[in-house]
Each structure stands twice: as structure tokens, then as C-alpha cells.
């Protein structure tokens, strides 16, 4: 169980690092990236980017509008680090 939790935590932290690296700094200083760009970049790392985003949101690490994100439809939704 601890190994699974540790793996999930690593994935969430890696996602936040990617957002920080490829995102743009907002007026409040927080990094943000559009979902389409994140998906294109992150899909080379993992095909479960949406699931990791949802976990990161539940942990209070990122914010985005909507319940679920879909490639194509939601490419311009802004993902913001908190």
C-alpha cells in the first residue's frame, strides 16, 4: 500500500514540476499552462495525465475549471499551480 501511495505522490509531484517548467507565470506569480499543451508534453511521460491532474486537484495542488478534462474539447482550459 505504501509503495502505491508513494508512486501516486511521485506522479503528482512530477506533474506539478512539469507545469512549473512549461507553464507561464501569472500576475499572482503562480505557474499555469493550457491543458492541450500539458497533455501534449505529459503524454510522453504518462498516458494518465487526467487522472494525475484530478488527484493533484483533490490534494489542493492545482486548479482548473470543470469536472473532467477532454483532449481537444478542453485544450484551452488553464491548469494553475496553487
Protein backbone atom coordinates (compact mmCIF):
# COMPACT_ATOMS: atom_id res chain seq x y z
CA UNK A 1 0.00 0.00 0.00
CA UNK A 2 2.78 2.44 0.88
CA UNK A 3 4.51 1.74 -2.44
CA UNK A 4 1.31 2.55 -4.36
CA UNK A 5 0.77 5.76 -2.36
CA UNK A 6 4.40 6.74 -2.85
CA UNK A 7 4.11 6.17 -6.62
CA UNK A 8 0.96 8.32 -6.80
CA UNK A 9 2.67 11.08 -4.81
CA UNK A 10 5.67 10.98 -7.16
CA UNK A 11 3.37 11.26 -10.19
CA UNK A 12 1.55 14.27 -8.69
CA UNK A 13 4.84 15.99 -7.79
CA UNK A 14 6.22 15.28 -11.27
CA UNK A 15 3.07 16.79 -12.80
CA UNK A 16 3.50 19.96 -10.72
CA UNK A 17 7.14 20.18 -11.80
CA UNK A 18 6.15 19.86 -15.47
CA UNK A 19 3.53 22.62 -15.05
CA UNK A 20 6.16 24.83 -13.44
CA UNK A 21 8.64 24.12 -16.27
CA UNK A 22 6.38 24.57 -19.29
CA UNK A 23 3.81 26.95 -17.80
CA UNK A 24 3.80 30.72 -17.81
CA UNK A 25 3.92 32.83 -14.67
CA UNK A 26 0.58 34.55 -13.99
CA UNK A 27 0.12 38.01 -12.45
CA UNK A 28 -0.02 36.44 -8.99
CA UNK A 29 3.25 34.59 -9.65
CA UNK A 30 1.71 31.15 -9.96
CA UNK A 31 2.55 28.99 -12.98
CA UNK A 32 -0.26 28.00 -15.34
CA UNK A 33 -0.47 26.05 -18.59
CA UNK A 34 -3.28 25.24 -21.01
CA UNK A 35 -4.48 21.65 -20.84
CA UNK A 36 -3.71 21.00 -24.51
CA UNK A 37 -0.06 21.96 -24.09
CA UNK A 38 0.24 19.99 -20.85
CA UNK A 39 -1.39 16.96 -22.47
CA UNK A 40 0.99 17.07 -25.46
CA UNK A 41 4.03 17.39 -23.22
CA UNK A 42 2.92 15.00 -20.49
CA UNK A 43 1.63 12.21 -22.74
CA UNK A 44 5.25 11.33 -23.49
CA UNK A 45 5.73 10.79 -19.75
CA UNK A 46 2.44 9.08 -18.90
CA UNK A 47 -0.86 8.34 -20.60
CA UNK A 48 -2.80 9.01 -17.38
CA UNK A 49 -2.35 12.77 -17.16
CA UNK A 50 -6.05 13.43 -16.49
CA UNK A 51 -6.13 11.04 -13.53
CA UNK A 52 -2.99 12.60 -12.09
CA UNK A 53 -4.49 16.08 -12.58
CA UNK A 54 -7.63 15.04 -10.69
CA UNK A 55 -5.53 13.65 -7.81
CA UNK A 56 -3.44 16.84 -7.73
CA UNK A 57 -6.64 18.91 -7.56
CA UNK A 58 -8.01 16.79 -4.70
CA UNK A 59 -4.73 17.41 -2.86
CA UNK A 60 -5.12 21.17 -3.38
CA UNK A 61 -2.06 21.49 -5.64
CA UNK A 62 -3.71 22.59 -8.90
CA UNK A 63 -6.90 24.33 -10.02
CA UNK A 64 -8.87 24.10 -13.25
CA UNK A 65 -12.47 24.67 -14.29
CA UNK A 66 -14.78 21.73 -14.91
CA UNK A 67 -15.12 18.24 -13.51
CA UNK A 68 -13.19 16.37 -16.21
CA UNK A 69 -10.83 17.41 -18.99
CA UNK A 70 -11.02 16.02 -22.52
CA UNK A 71 -8.31 16.28 -25.15
CA UNK A 72 -9.46 18.52 -27.98
CA UNK A 73 -12.52 19.97 -26.26
CA UNK A 74 -10.66 21.35 -23.23
CA UNK A 75 -7.29 22.21 -24.80
CA UNK A 76 -7.61 25.87 -23.73
CA UNK A 77 -8.60 25.21 -20.10
CA UNK A 78 -5.97 26.76 -17.83
CA UNK A 79 -4.31 24.48 -15.26
CA UNK A 80 -2.88 26.59 -12.41
CA UNK A 81 -0.49 25.55 -9.66
CA UNK A 82 -1.70 26.56 -6.20
